[in-house]
Amino acid sequence: MTERAASGGPLPPEERAASRRGCLLAIGTAWLIWILIDLFRLGVISGDRSLDDAVFDMPSVGIPLLLAIVCLIVAANVCRRARRKRAFPTEPWMWEKRWNRTGARPLIADKLVPDTVLAVVSTVLALAMALIGVVVIQSPLFQWAITPVYVFAAILWVRFARTLAPVLKFGRPFFRYETFPFFPGGQFAGALEGIERIHGFDDVTVVLRSVKELWTRSAASGRHIGVSRSIVREEVRHCSPADVVEHPVDAGGRRSLAGTKSGRFLPVRFDVSAGESGTKLGVNPAIKWELQVTAQVPGLDYDVTFLVPVYEPPVSATTRGLSPVAD
């Protein structure tokens, strides 16, 4: 080990390349050993089974193939983003995120998917351990020992149910943009669809906020250990049932795109001050703009949050105002 490596500094390029080659060699060797074990286990080397028949039962082939497919998908997305970033260097909304240019769904989907996965995985693990206890170990003591696994799985299902309950009651509301994206110095405007599913409210609180998210690192390992959120800018509006309309209109009094669907809508409009920091995703600290709509109703309260595209305008767009909605 060099003095630079021993002191915790970065390795020279030659040593980094040698380290990468060593890692790849170790991984390749382990993979070959895994394949040989499968060939012995399935009787291919002894001649009891043909390779064409056994290959579908070899995890040493199936699992790396699955990982390769996932890596190819990730690499394709990274390449696509890099191409769009080169094509639109001053328009980050074209490559930072795959925005729906007509509107946004609530962020609850970001919680619902991982909650579902965790609940299902924990249940499968609990059932597998129970099966091992009944068939293999056959010990009542083992069944008592794995009781915390059952309790943990039940807790995850309760958490999943709490996340799902608002979706079952209120559906998946949609906030339709009047323009895309929104720029500081202009207006943030749109309409909330699905408001007719909220019954018995007297007041709807609408909050537009800019949030800074900072990932903190461990001093020992350098790994991300958590994220802290701080509000950069926040504006609150209160709406009454009288503000709900059949056909929302834009700033010029024209019927907006939200009126193309049947139902009732809650128009939302904020002035965004010039000089505000725009959305910055994939950096540390990140800047996110959120629209939160809450209302106290009988039973389960209404509370949805949307991630919205408020960006600093490129140089070419500073004099032309807001861009029209693009499908």
C-alpha atoms as a PDB file:
ATOM      1  CA  MET A   1       0.000   0.000   0.000  1.00  0.00           C
ATOM      2  CA  THR A   2       1.362   3.405  -0.944  1.00  0.00           C
ATOM      3  CA  GLU A   3       1.869   6.239   1.537  1.00  0.00           C
ATOM      4  CA  ARG A   4      -0.948   8.143  -0.200  1.00  0.00           C
ATOM      5  CA  ALA A   5      -3.384   5.254   0.257  1.00  0.00           C
ATOM      6  CA  ALA A   6      -2.307   4.714   3.860  1.00  0.00           C
ATOM      7  CA  SER A   7      -2.955   8.355   4.664  1.00  0.00           C
ATOM      8  CA  GLY A   8      -6.477   8.134   3.264  1.00  0.00           C
ATOM      9  CA  GLY A   9      -5.789  10.186   0.121  1.00  0.00           C
ATOM     10  CA  PRO A  10      -6.914   9.233  -3.388  1.00  0.00           C
ATOM     11  CA  LEU A  11      -4.976   6.526  -5.198  1.00  0.00           C
ATOM     12  CA  PRO A  12      -2.971   7.337  -8.348  1.00  0.00           C
ATOM     13  CA  PRO A  13      -4.717   6.433 -11.657  1.00  0.00           C
ATOM     14  CA  GLU A  14      -2.486   3.384 -12.181  1.00  0.00           C
ATOM     15  CA  GLU A  15      -3.360   1.948  -8.793  1.00  0.00           C
ATOM     16  CA  ARG A  16      -7.058   2.683  -9.275  1.00  0.00           C
ATOM     17  CA  ALA A  17      -7.003   0.836 -12.600  1.00  0.00           C
ATOM     18  CA  ALA A  18      -5.169  -2.103 -11.002  1.00  0.00           C
ATOM     19  CA  SER A  19      -7.699  -2.162  -8.174  1.00  0.00           C
ATOM     20  CA  ARG A  20     -10.596  -2.251 -10.653  1.00  0.00           C
ATOM     21  CA  ARG A  21      -8.941  -5.075 -12.596  1.00  0.00           C
ATOM     22  CA  GLY A  22      -8.429  -7.002  -9.365  1.00  0.00           C
ATOM     23  CA  CYS A  23     -12.109  -6.596  -8.410  1.00  0.00           C
ATOM     24  CA  LEU A  24     -13.274  -7.723 -11.844  1.00  0.00           C
ATOM     25  CA  LEU A  25     -10.940 -10.731 -11.716  1.00  0.00           C
ATOM     26  CA  ALA A  26     -12.241 -11.750  -8.280  1.00  0.00           C
ATOM     27  CA  ILE A  27     -15.870 -11.387  -9.404  1.00  0.00           C
ATOM     28  CA  GLY A  28     -15.201 -13.353 -12.599  1.00  0.00           C
ATOM     29  CA  THR A  29     -13.447 -16.132 -10.699  1.00  0.00           C
ATOM     30  CA  ALA A  30     -16.293 -16.413  -8.188  1.00  0.00           C
ATOM     31  CA  TRP A  31     -18.797 -16.555 -11.048  1.00  0.00           C
ATOM     32  CA  LEU A  32     -16.910 -19.374 -12.783  1.00  0.00           C
ATOM     33  CA  ILE A  33     -16.764 -21.337  -9.533  1.00  0.00           C
ATOM     34  CA  TRP A  34     -20.512 -20.794  -9.108  1.00  0.00           C
ATOM     35  CA  ILE A  35     -21.136 -22.111 -12.634  1.00  0.00           C
ATOM     36  CA  LEU A  36     -18.964 -25.192 -11.974  1.00  0.00           C
ATOM     37  CA  ILE A  37     -20.877 -25.901  -8.763  1.00  0.00           C
ATOM     38  CA  ASP A  38     -24.170 -25.742 -10.675  1.00  0.00           C
ATOM     39  CA  LEU A  39     -22.798 -28.019 -13.395  1.00  0.00           C
ATOM     40  CA  PHE A  40     -21.734 -30.599 -10.786  1.00  0.00           C
ATOM     41  CA  ARG A  41     -24.979 -30.224  -8.845  1.00  0.00           C
ATOM     42  CA  LEU A  42     -27.212 -30.716 -11.877  1.00  0.00           C
ATOM     43  CA  GLY A  43     -25.217 -33.668 -13.240  1.00  0.00           C
ATOM     44  CA  VAL A  44     -23.994 -31.965 -16.414  1.00  0.00           C
ATOM     45  CA  ILE A  45     -20.321 -32.844 -15.864  1.00  0.00           C
ATOM     46  CA  SER A  46     -21.156 -36.467 -15.003  1.00  0.00           C
ATOM     47  CA  GLY A  47     -23.231 -36.748 -18.180  1.00  0.00           C
ATOM     48  CA  ASP A  48     -26.555 -37.407 -16.436  1.00  0.00           C
ATOM     49  CA  ARG A  49     -28.074 -34.271 -17.931  1.00  0.00           C
ATOM     50  CA  SER A  50     -27.445 -32.163 -21.011  1.00  0.00           C
ATOM     51  CA  LEU A  51     -26.334 -28.561 -20.734  1.00  0.00           C
ATOM     52  CA  ASP A  52     -29.278 -27.351 -22.862  1.00  0.00           C
ATOM     53  CA  ASP A  53     -31.696 -28.907 -20.392  1.00  0.00           C
ATOM     54  CA  ALA A  54     -29.868 -27.830 -17.232  1.00  0.00           C
ATOM     55  CA  VAL A  55     -29.121 -24.220 -18.130  1.00  0.00           C
ATOM     56  CA  PHE A  56     -32.657 -23.127 -17.180  1.00  0.00           C
ATOM     57  CA  ASP A  57     -32.115 -24.531 -13.656  1.00  0.00           C
ATOM     58  CA  MET A  58     -28.763 -22.791 -13.120  1.00  0.00           C
ATOM     59  CA  PRO A  59     -29.030 -19.722 -10.873  1.00  0.00           C
ATOM     60  CA  SER A  60     -25.426 -18.944 -11.807  1.00  0.00           C
ATOM     61  CA  VAL A  61     -26.773 -18.096 -15.277  1.00  0.00           C
ATOM     62  CA  GLY A  62     -30.254 -16.757 -14.529  1.00  0.00           C
ATOM     63  CA  ILE A  63     -29.350 -14.307 -11.767  1.00  0.00           C
ATOM     64  CA  PRO A  64     -26.420 -12.649 -13.636  1.00  0.00           C
ATOM     65  CA  LEU A  65     -28.612 -12.455 -16.756  1.00  0.00           C
ATOM     66  CA  LEU A  66     -31.332 -10.674 -14.775  1.00  0.00           C
ATOM     67  CA  LEU A  67     -28.764  -8.285 -13.282  1.00  0.00           C
ATOM     68  CA  ALA A  68     -27.355  -7.634 -16.765  1.00  0.00           C
ATOM     69  CA  ILE A  69     -30.809  -6.721 -18.091  1.00  0.00           C
ATOM     70  CA  VAL A  70     -31.371  -4.320 -15.176  1.00  0.00           C
ATOM     71  CA  CYS A  71     -27.921  -2.756 -15.724  1.00  0.00           C
ATOM     72  CA  LEU A  72     -28.644  -2.313 -19.437  1.00  0.00           C
ATOM     73  CA  ILE A  73     -31.925  -0.543 -18.672  1.00  0.00           C
ATOM     74  CA  VAL A  74     -30.202   1.746 -16.162  1.00  0.00           C
ATOM     75  CA  ALA A  75     -27.337   2.429 -18.598  1.00  0.00           C
ATOM     76  CA  ALA A  76     -29.814   3.245 -21.389  1.00  0.00           C
ATOM     77  CA  ASN A  77     -31.603   5.758 -19.147  1.00  0.00           C
ATOM     78  CA  VAL A  78     -28.283   7.329 -18.128  1.00  0.00           C
ATOM     79  CA  CYS A  79     -27.217   7.642 -21.782  1.00  0.00           C
ATOM     80  CA  ARG A  80     -30.574   9.129 -22.738  1.00  0.00           C
ATOM     81  CA  ARG A  81     -30.307  11.704 -19.980  1.00  0.00           C
ATOM     82  CA  ALA A  82     -26.743  12.568 -20.985  1.00  0.00           C
ATOM     83  CA  ARG A  83     -27.817  13.082 -24.633  1.00  0.00           C
ATOM     84  CA  ARG A  84     -30.710  15.328 -23.636  1.00  0.00           C
ATOM     85  CA  LYS A  85     -28.471  17.261 -21.240  1.00  0.00           C
ATOM     86  CA  ARG A  86     -26.045  17.950 -24.093  1.00  0.00           C
ATOM     87  CA  ALA A  87     -28.916  18.945 -26.366  1.00  0.00           C
ATOM     88  CA  PHE A  88     -30.627  21.214 -23.786  1.00  0.00           C
ATOM     89  CA  PRO A  89     -27.875  22.391 -21.408  1.00  0.00           C
ATOM     90  CA  THR A  90     -29.840  25.416 -20.158  1.00  0.00           C
ATOM     91  CA  GLU A  91     -33.230  23.647 -19.906  1.00  0.00           C
ATOM     92  CA  PRO A  92     -32.896  21.118 -17.056  1.00  0.00           C
ATOM     93  CA  TRP A  93     -36.598  20.272 -17.141  1.00  0.00           C
ATOM     94  CA  MET A  94     -35.841  18.433 -20.403  1.00  0.00           C
ATOM     95  CA  TRP A  95     -33.497  15.903 -18.760  1.00  0.00           C
ATOM     96  CA  GLU A  96     -33.523  16.145 -14.958  1.00  0.00           C
ATOM     97  CA  LYS A  97     -36.770  14.223 -14.600  1.00  0.00           C
ATOM     98  CA  ARG A  98     -39.377  12.680 -16.850  1.00  0.00           C
ATOM     99  CA  TRP A  99     -41.992  15.303 -16.140  1.00  0.00           C
ATOM    100  CA  ASN A 100     -45.561  14.856 -17.231  1.00  0.00           C
ATOM    101  CA  ARG A 101     -45.955  18.130 -19.110  1.00  0.00           C
ATOM    102  CA  THR A 102     -49.694  18.383 -18.537  1.00  0.00           C
ATOM    103  CA  GLY A 103     -49.763  17.907 -14.770  1.00  0.00           C
ATOM    104  CA  ALA A 104     -48.695  15.974 -11.688  1.00  0.00           C
ATOM    105  CA  ARG A 105     -49.924  13.091  -9.563  1.00  0.00           C
ATOM    106  CA  PRO A 106     -49.431  13.081  -5.767  1.00  0.00           C
ATOM    107  CA  LEU A 107     -46.144  11.920  -4.294  1.00  0.00           C
ATOM    108  CA  ILE A 108     -48.002   9.214  -2.376  1.00  0.00           C
ATOM    109  CA  ALA A 109     -47.061   6.741  -5.142  1.00  0.00           C
ATOM    110  CA  ASP A 110     -43.421   7.144  -4.098  1.00  0.00           C
ATOM    111  CA  LYS A 111     -44.381   5.769  -0.666  1.00  0.00           C
ATOM    112  CA  LEU A 112     -46.969   3.229  -1.768  1.00  0.00           C
ATOM    113  CA  VAL A 113     -44.616   1.182  -3.964  1.00  0.00           C
ATOM    114  CA  PRO A 114     -41.807   0.703  -1.405  1.00  0.00           C
ATOM    115  CA  ASP A 115     -44.344   0.062   1.376  1.00  0.00           C
ATOM    116  CA  THR A 116     -45.930  -2.663  -0.758  1.00  0.00           C
ATOM    117  CA  VAL A 117     -42.576  -4.254  -1.565  1.00  0.00           C
ATOM    118  CA  LEU A 118     -41.458  -4.252   2.074  1.00  0.00           C
ATOM    119  CA  ALA A 119     -44.748  -5.759   3.260  1.00  0.00           C
ATOM    120  CA  VAL A 120     -44.686  -8.516   0.639  1.00  0.00           C
ATOM    121  CA  VAL A 121     -41.006  -9.375   1.202  1.00  0.00           C
ATOM    122  CA  SER A 122     -41.429  -9.499   4.980  1.00  0.00           C
ATOM    123  CA  THR A 123     -44.495 -11.744   4.615  1.00  0.00           C
ATOM    124  CA  VAL A 124     -42.675 -14.140   2.262  1.00  0.00           C
ATOM    125  CA  LEU A 125     -39.739 -14.268   4.689  1.00  0.00           C
ATOM    126  CA  ALA A 126     -42.050 -14.967   7.627  1.00  0.00           C
ATOM    127  CA  LEU A 127     -43.844 -17.749   5.735  1.00  0.00           C
ATOM    128  CA  ALA A 128     -40.532 -19.286   4.637  1.00  0.00           C
ATOM    129  CA  MET A 129     -39.226 -19.305   8.205  1.00  0.00           C
ATOM    130  CA  ALA A 130     -42.506 -20.790   9.436  1.00  0.00           C
ATOM    131  CA  LEU A 131     -42.261 -23.546   6.808  1.00  0.00           C
ATOM    132  CA  ILE A 132     -38.681 -24.316   7.821  1.00  0.00           C
ATOM    133  CA  GLY A 133     -39.762 -24.493  11.450  1.00  0.00           C
ATOM    134  CA  VAL A 134     -42.643 -26.892  10.724  1.00  0.00           C
ATOM    135  CA  VAL A 135     -40.986 -29.149   8.134  1.00  0.00           C
ATOM    136  CA  VAL A 136     -37.265 -29.084   8.993  1.00  0.00           C
ATOM    137  CA  ILE A 137     -36.651 -27.989  12.580  1.00  0.00           C
ATOM    138  CA  GLN A 138     -39.986 -29.107  14.042  1.00  0.00           C
ATOM    139  CA  SER A 139     -39.455 -27.239  17.278  1.00  0.00           C
ATOM    140  CA  PRO A 140     -42.052 -25.113  19.102  1.00  0.00           C
ATOM    141  CA  LEU A 141     -39.170 -23.086  20.539  1.00  0.00           C
ATOM    142  CA  PHE A 142     -38.139 -22.028  17.030  1.00  0.00           C
ATOM    143  CA  GLN A 143     -41.680 -20.881  16.291  1.00  0.00           C
ATOM    144  CA  TRP A 144     -41.621 -18.683  19.383  1.00  0.00           C
ATOM    145  CA  ALA A 145     -38.166 -17.387  18.448  1.00  0.00           C
ATOM    146  CA  ILE A 146     -39.342 -16.088  15.063  1.00  0.00           C
ATOM    147  CA  THR A 147     -42.427 -14.356  16.469  1.00  0.00           C
ATOM    148  CA  PRO A 148     -40.776 -10.901  16.042  1.00  0.00           C
ATOM    149  CA  VAL A 149     -40.616 -11.611  12.297  1.00  0.00           C
ATOM    150  CA  TYR A 150     -44.402 -12.039  12.213  1.00  0.00           C
ATOM    151  CA  VAL A 151     -44.896  -8.890  14.269  1.00  0.00           C
ATOM    152  CA  PHE A 152     -42.603  -6.910  11.961  1.00  0.00           C
ATOM    153  CA  ALA A 153     -44.527  -8.123   8.894  1.00  0.00           C
ATOM    154  CA  ALA A 154     -47.832  -7.139  10.530  1.00  0.00           C
ATOM    155  CA  ILE A 155     -46.480  -3.653  11.307  1.00  0.00           C
ATOM    156  CA  LEU A 156     -45.436  -3.192   7.682  1.00  0.00           C
ATOM    157  CA  TRP A 157     -48.911  -4.194   6.485  1.00  0.00           C
ATOM    158  CA  VAL A 158     -50.472  -1.667   8.890  1.00  0.00           C
ATOM    159  CA  ARG A 159     -48.167   1.001   7.465  1.00  0.00           C
ATOM    160  CA  PHE A 160     -49.131  -0.017   3.944  1.00  0.00           C
ATOM    161  CA  ALA A 161     -52.832   0.213   4.863  1.00  0.00           C
ATOM    162  CA  ARG A 162     -52.352   3.723   6.264  1.00  0.00           C
ATOM    163  CA  THR A 163     -50.656   4.790   3.030  1.00  0.00           C
ATOM    164  CA  LEU A 164     -53.355   3.181   0.881  1.00  0.00           C
ATOM    165  CA  ALA A 165     -56.359   4.535   2.809  1.00  0.00           C
ATOM    166  CA  PRO A 166     -56.256   8.089   1.320  1.00  0.00           C
ATOM    167  CA  VAL A 167     -56.009   6.614  -2.182  1.00  0.00           C
ATOM    168  CA  LEU A 168     -59.102   4.488  -1.605  1.00  0.00           C
ATOM    169  CA  LYS A 169     -61.067   7.429  -0.209  1.00  0.00           C
ATOM    170  CA  PHE A 170     -59.952  10.288  -2.460  1.00  0.00           C
ATOM    171  CA  GLY A 171     -58.548   8.493  -5.499  1.00  0.00           C
ATOM    172  CA  ARG A 172     -55.448   9.891  -7.188  1.00  0.00           C
ATOM    173  CA  PRO A 173     -56.022  13.628  -7.702  1.00  0.00           C
ATOM    174  CA  PHE A 174     -54.375  15.365 -10.621  1.00  0.00           C
ATOM    175  CA  PHE A 175     -52.973  18.885 -10.634  1.00  0.00           C
ATOM    176  CA  ARG A 176     -53.124  20.189 -14.197  1.00  0.00           C
ATOM    177  CA  TYR A 177     -50.610  22.863 -15.175  1.00  0.00           C
ATOM    178  CA  GLU A 178     -51.615  26.010 -16.974  1.00  0.00           C
ATOM    179  CA  THR A 179     -48.067  26.250 -18.351  1.00  0.00           C
ATOM    180  CA  PHE A 180     -44.959  24.083 -18.361  1.00  0.00           C
ATOM    181  CA  PRO A 181     -42.581  24.737 -16.761  1.00  0.00           C
ATOM    182  CA  PHE A 182     -43.125  27.554 -14.296  1.00  0.00           C
ATOM    183  CA  PHE A 183     -40.528  30.322 -13.994  1.00  0.00           C
ATOM    184  CA  PRO A 184     -39.721  32.693 -11.103  1.00  0.00           C
ATOM    185  CA  GLY A 185     -40.980  36.139 -11.960  1.00  0.00           C
ATOM    186  CA  GLY A 186     -44.168  34.660 -13.425  1.00  0.00           C
ATOM    187  CA  GLN A 187     -47.215  32.852 -12.137  1.00  0.00           C
ATOM    188  CA  PHE A 188     -47.644  29.351 -10.846  1.00  0.00           C
ATOM    189  CA  ALA A 189     -51.128  28.424 -12.029  1.00  0.00           C
ATOM    190  CA  GLY A 190     -53.228  25.346 -12.577  1.00  0.00           C
ATOM    191  CA  ALA A 191     -56.270  23.452 -11.362  1.00  0.00           C
ATOM    192  CA  LEU A 192     -56.734  20.550  -8.965  1.00  0.00           C
ATOM    193  CA  GLU A 193     -58.915  17.833 -10.454  1.00  0.00           C
ATOM    194  CA  GLY A 194     -60.887  15.379  -8.325  1.00  0.00           C
ATOM    195  CA  ILE A 195     -61.972  17.947  -5.752  1.00  0.00           C
ATOM    196  CA  GLU A 196     -65.526  16.581  -5.975  1.00  0.00           C
ATOM    197  CA  ARG A 197     -64.425  13.560  -3.927  1.00  0.00           C
ATOM    198  CA  ILE A 198     -63.856  15.790  -0.888  1.00  0.00           C
ATOM    199  CA  HIS A 199     -67.120  16.065   1.028  1.00  0.00           C
ATOM    200  CA  GLY A 200     -67.932  18.273   4.013  1.00  0.00           C
ATOM    201  CA  PHE A 201     -64.973  20.656   3.959  1.00  0.00           C
ATOM    202  CA  ASP A 202     -65.136  24.303   5.000  1.00  0.00           C
ATOM    203  CA  ASP A 203     -61.599  25.297   4.135  1.00  0.00           C
ATOM    204  CA  VAL A 204     -58.910  24.014   1.775  1.00  0.00           C
ATOM    205  CA  THR A 205     -55.331  25.066   2.526  1.00  0.00           C
ATOM    206  CA  VAL A 206     -53.045  25.310  -0.502  1.00  0.00           C
ATOM    207  CA  VAL A 207     -49.305  25.716   0.110  1.00  0.00           C
ATOM    208  CA  LEU A 208     -46.599  26.356  -2.482  1.00  0.00           C
ATOM    209  CA  ARG A 209     -43.148  25.841  -1.027  1.00  0.00           C
ATOM    210  CA  SER A 210     -39.548  25.565  -2.059  1.00  0.00           C
ATOM    211  CA  VAL A 211     -37.611  22.973  -0.056  1.00  0.00           C
ATOM    212  CA  LYS A 212     -33.887  22.352   0.274  1.00  0.00           C
ATOM    213  CA  GLU A 213     -32.912  18.712   0.848  1.00  0.00           C
ATOM    214  CA  LEU A 214     -29.399  18.086   2.148  1.00  0.00           C
ATOM    215  CA  TRP A 215     -27.973  14.576   2.365  1.00  0.00           C
ATOM    216  CA  THR A 216     -25.636  14.129   5.318  1.00  0.00           C
ATOM    217  CA  ARG A 217     -22.682  11.765   5.275  1.00  0.00           C
ATOM    218  CA  SER A 218     -21.058   9.654   7.939  1.00  0.00           C
ATOM    219  CA  ALA A 219     -17.689  11.072   8.973  1.00  0.00           C
ATOM    220  CA  ALA A 220     -16.287   7.540   9.298  1.00  0.00           C
ATOM    221  CA  SER A 221     -17.530   5.830   6.113  1.00  0.00           C
ATOM    222  CA  GLY A 222     -18.493   8.791   3.933  1.00  0.00           C
ATOM    223  CA  ARG A 223     -21.847   7.155   3.149  1.00  0.00           C
ATOM    224  CA  HIS A 224     -25.181   8.965   3.043  1.00  0.00           C
ATOM    225  CA  ILE A 225     -26.932   8.433   6.363  1.00  0.00           C
ATOM    226  CA  GLY A 226     -29.943  10.726   6.133  1.00  0.00           C
ATOM    227  CA  VAL A 227     -31.560  13.773   4.597  1.00  0.00           C
ATOM    228  CA  SER A 228     -32.537  17.040   6.236  1.00  0.00           C
ATOM    229  CA  ARG A 229     -35.259  19.277   4.792  1.00  0.00           C
ATOM    230  CA  SER A 230     -35.519  23.002   5.240  1.00  0.00           C
ATOM    231  CA  ILE A 231     -38.120  25.359   3.795  1.00  0.00           C
ATOM    232  CA  VAL A 232     -36.621  28.050   1.571  1.00  0.00           C
ATOM    233  CA  ARG A 233     -39.852  29.786   0.605  1.00  0.00           C
ATOM    234  CA  GLU A 234     -43.499  29.133   1.439  1.00  0.00           C
ATOM    235  CA  GLU A 235     -46.793  30.801   0.582  1.00  0.00           C
ATOM    236  CA  VAL A 236     -50.189  29.753   1.922  1.00  0.00           C
ATOM    237  CA  ARG A 237     -53.654  30.312   0.453  1.00  0.00           C
ATOM    238  CA  HIS A 238     -57.044  29.399   1.923  1.00  0.00           C
ATOM    239  CA  CYS A 239     -59.916  28.419  -0.336  1.00  0.00           C
ATOM    240  CA  SER A 240     -63.591  27.891   0.438  1.00  0.00           C
ATOM    241  CA  PRO A 241     -66.175  25.668  -1.280  1.00  0.00           C
ATOM    242  CA  ALA A 242     -67.206  28.771  -3.269  1.00  0.00           C
ATOM    243  CA  ASP A 243     -63.788  28.720  -4.998  1.00  0.00           C
ATOM    244  CA  VAL A 244     -64.511  25.339  -6.598  1.00  0.00           C
ATOM    245  CA  VAL A 245     -65.599  25.829 -10.221  1.00  0.00           C
ATOM    246  CA  GLU A 246     -66.943  23.822 -13.127  1.00  0.00           C
ATOM    247  CA  HIS A 247     -64.601  25.287 -15.748  1.00  0.00           C
ATOM    248  CA  PRO A 248     -61.356  26.941 -14.552  1.00  0.00           C
ATOM    249  CA  VAL A 249     -60.016  29.782 -16.660  1.00  0.00           C
ATOM    250  CA  ASP A 250     -56.490  31.070 -17.231  1.00  0.00           C
ATOM    251  CA  ALA A 251     -55.106  34.513 -16.436  1.00  0.00           C
ATOM    252  CA  GLY A 252     -56.595  35.926 -19.650  1.00  0.00           C
ATOM    253  CA  GLY A 253     -60.084  34.697 -18.862  1.00  0.00           C
ATOM    254  CA  ARG A 254     -59.886  31.844 -21.371  1.00  0.00           C
ATOM    255  CA  ARG A 255     -61.070  28.362 -20.469  1.00  0.00           C
ATOM    256  CA  SER A 256     -58.000  26.334 -19.499  1.00  0.00           C
ATOM    257  CA  LEU A 257     -57.063  22.767 -20.385  1.00  0.00           C
ATOM    258  CA  ALA A 258     -58.364  21.508 -17.049  1.00  0.00           C
ATOM    259  CA  GLY A 259     -61.898  22.180 -18.266  1.00  0.00           C
ATOM    260  CA  THR A 260     -61.600  19.513 -20.945  1.00  0.00           C
ATOM    261  CA  LYS A 261     -62.547  16.842 -18.381  1.00  0.00           C
ATOM    262  CA  SER A 262     -65.823  16.536 -16.555  1.00  0.00           C
ATOM    263  CA  GLY A 263     -65.930  17.231 -12.855  1.00  0.00           C
ATOM    264  CA  ARG A 264     -65.181  20.108 -10.517  1.00  0.00           C
ATOM    265  CA  PHE A 265     -61.880  21.910 -10.109  1.00  0.00           C
ATOM    266  CA  LEU A 266     -60.041  24.055  -7.600  1.00  0.00           C
ATOM    267  CA  PRO A 267     -58.084  26.790  -9.396  1.00  0.00           C
ATOM    268  CA  VAL A 268     -54.651  27.464  -7.895  1.00  0.00           C
ATOM    269  CA  ARG A 269     -52.626  30.585  -8.618  1.00  0.00           C
ATOM    270  CA  PHE A 270     -49.485  31.975  -6.966  1.00  0.00           C
ATOM    271  CA  ASP A 271     -47.066  34.729  -7.927  1.00  0.00           C
ATOM    272  CA  VAL A 272     -43.493  33.426  -7.850  1.00  0.00           C
ATOM    273  CA  SER A 273     -40.984  36.150  -7.069  1.00  0.00           C
ATOM    274  CA  ALA A 274     -38.132  36.749  -9.480  1.00  0.00           C
ATOM    275  CA  GLY A 275     -34.787  35.540  -8.185  1.00  0.00           C
ATOM    276  CA  GLU A 276     -36.156  32.433  -6.477  1.00  0.00           C
ATOM    277  CA  SER A 277     -34.011  29.318  -6.852  1.00  0.00           C
ATOM    278  CA  GLY A 278     -35.439  26.863  -9.342  1.00  0.00           C
ATOM    279  CA  THR A 279     -35.702  23.086  -9.140  1.00  0.00           C
ATOM    280  CA  LYS A 280     -32.384  21.254  -8.900  1.00  0.00           C
ATOM    281  CA  LEU A 281     -32.614  17.470  -8.696  1.00  0.00           C
ATOM    282  CA  GLY A 282     -29.781  14.969  -8.415  1.00  0.00           C
ATOM    283  CA  VAL A 283     -27.470  17.404  -6.599  1.00  0.00           C
ATOM    284  CA  ASN A 284     -26.657  17.971  -2.950  1.00  0.00           C
ATOM    285  CA  PRO A 285     -28.348  20.039  -1.664  1.00  0.00           C
ATOM    286  CA  ALA A 286     -31.345  19.549  -3.933  1.00  0.00           C
ATOM    287  CA  ILE A 287     -34.049  22.170  -4.456  1.00  0.00           C
ATOM    288  CA  LYS A 288     -37.622  20.941  -4.861  1.00  0.00           C
ATOM    289  CA  TRP A 289     -40.869  22.821  -5.332  1.00  0.00           C
ATOM    290  CA  GLU A 290     -43.966  21.249  -3.800  1.00  0.00           C
ATOM    291  CA  LEU A 291     -47.662  22.015  -3.866  1.00  0.00           C
ATOM    292  CA  GLN A 292     -49.556  20.713  -0.821  1.00  0.00           C
ATOM    293  CA  VAL A 293     -53.347  20.705  -0.561  1.00  0.00           C
ATOM    294  CA  THR A 294     -55.005  19.859   2.766  1.00  0.00           C
ATOM    295  CA  ALA A 295     -58.553  19.904   4.086  1.00  0.00           C
ATOM    296  CA  GLN A 296     -60.214  18.705   7.261  1.00  0.00           C
ATOM    297  CA  VAL A 297     -63.110  16.421   6.377  1.00  0.00           C
ATOM    298  CA  PRO A 298     -65.116  13.855   8.349  1.00  0.00           C
ATOM    299  CA  GLY A 299     -63.120  10.683   8.832  1.00  0.00           C
ATOM    300  CA  LEU A 300     -59.777  10.750   7.044  1.00  0.00           C
ATOM    301  CA  ASP A 301     -58.391  14.229   6.319  1.00  0.00           C
ATOM    302  CA  TYR A 302     -57.397  15.198   2.782  1.00  0.00           C
ATOM    303  CA  ASP A 303     -53.644  15.735   2.378  1.00  0.00           C
ATOM    304  CA  VAL A 304     -51.840  15.480  -0.964  1.00  0.00           C
ATOM    305  CA  THR A 305     -48.468  16.808  -2.099  1.00  0.00           C
ATOM    306  CA  PHE A 306     -47.307  17.291  -5.685  1.00  0.00           C
ATOM    307  CA  LEU A 307     -43.762  17.752  -6.974  1.00  0.00           C
ATOM    308  CA  VAL A 308     -44.032  20.650  -9.441  1.00  0.00           C
ATOM    309  CA  PRO A 309     -41.652  22.068 -12.109  1.00  0.00           C
ATOM    310  CA  VAL A 310     -40.533  25.558 -11.088  1.00  0.00           C
ATOM    311  CA  TYR A 311     -37.258  26.247 -12.907  1.00  0.00           C
ATOM    312  CA  GLU A 312     -34.940  29.151 -13.425  1.00  0.00           C
ATOM    313  CA  PRO A 313     -35.474  30.318 -17.019  1.00  0.00           C
ATOM    314  CA  PRO A 314     -32.669  29.859 -19.559  1.00  0.00           C
ATOM    315  CA  VAL A 315     -31.101  32.992 -20.969  1.00  0.00           C
ATOM    316  CA  SER A 316     -33.160  32.707 -24.133  1.00  0.00           C
ATOM    317  CA  ALA A 317     -36.401  32.464 -22.152  1.00  0.00           C
ATOM    318  CA  THR A 318     -35.982  35.361 -19.736  1.00  0.00           C
ATOM    319  CA  THR A 319     -37.648  37.819 -22.108  1.00  0.00           C
ATOM    320  CA  ARG A 320     -40.406  35.630 -23.458  1.00  0.00           C
ATOM    321  CA  GLY A 321     -42.218  34.745 -20.211  1.00  0.00           C
ATOM    322  CA  LEU A 322     -43.926  31.426 -19.676  1.00  0.00           C
ATOM    323  CA  SER A 323     -43.839  28.695 -22.282  1.00  0.00           C
ATOM    324  CA  PRO A 324     -47.078  27.034 -23.393  1.00  0.00           C
ATOM    325  CA  VAL A 325     -48.102  23.599 -22.243  1.00  0.00           C
ATOM    326  CA  ALA A 326     -46.686  20.887 -24.470  1.00  0.00           C
ATOM    327  CA  ASP A 327     -48.296  17.487 -24.700  1.00  0.00           C
END
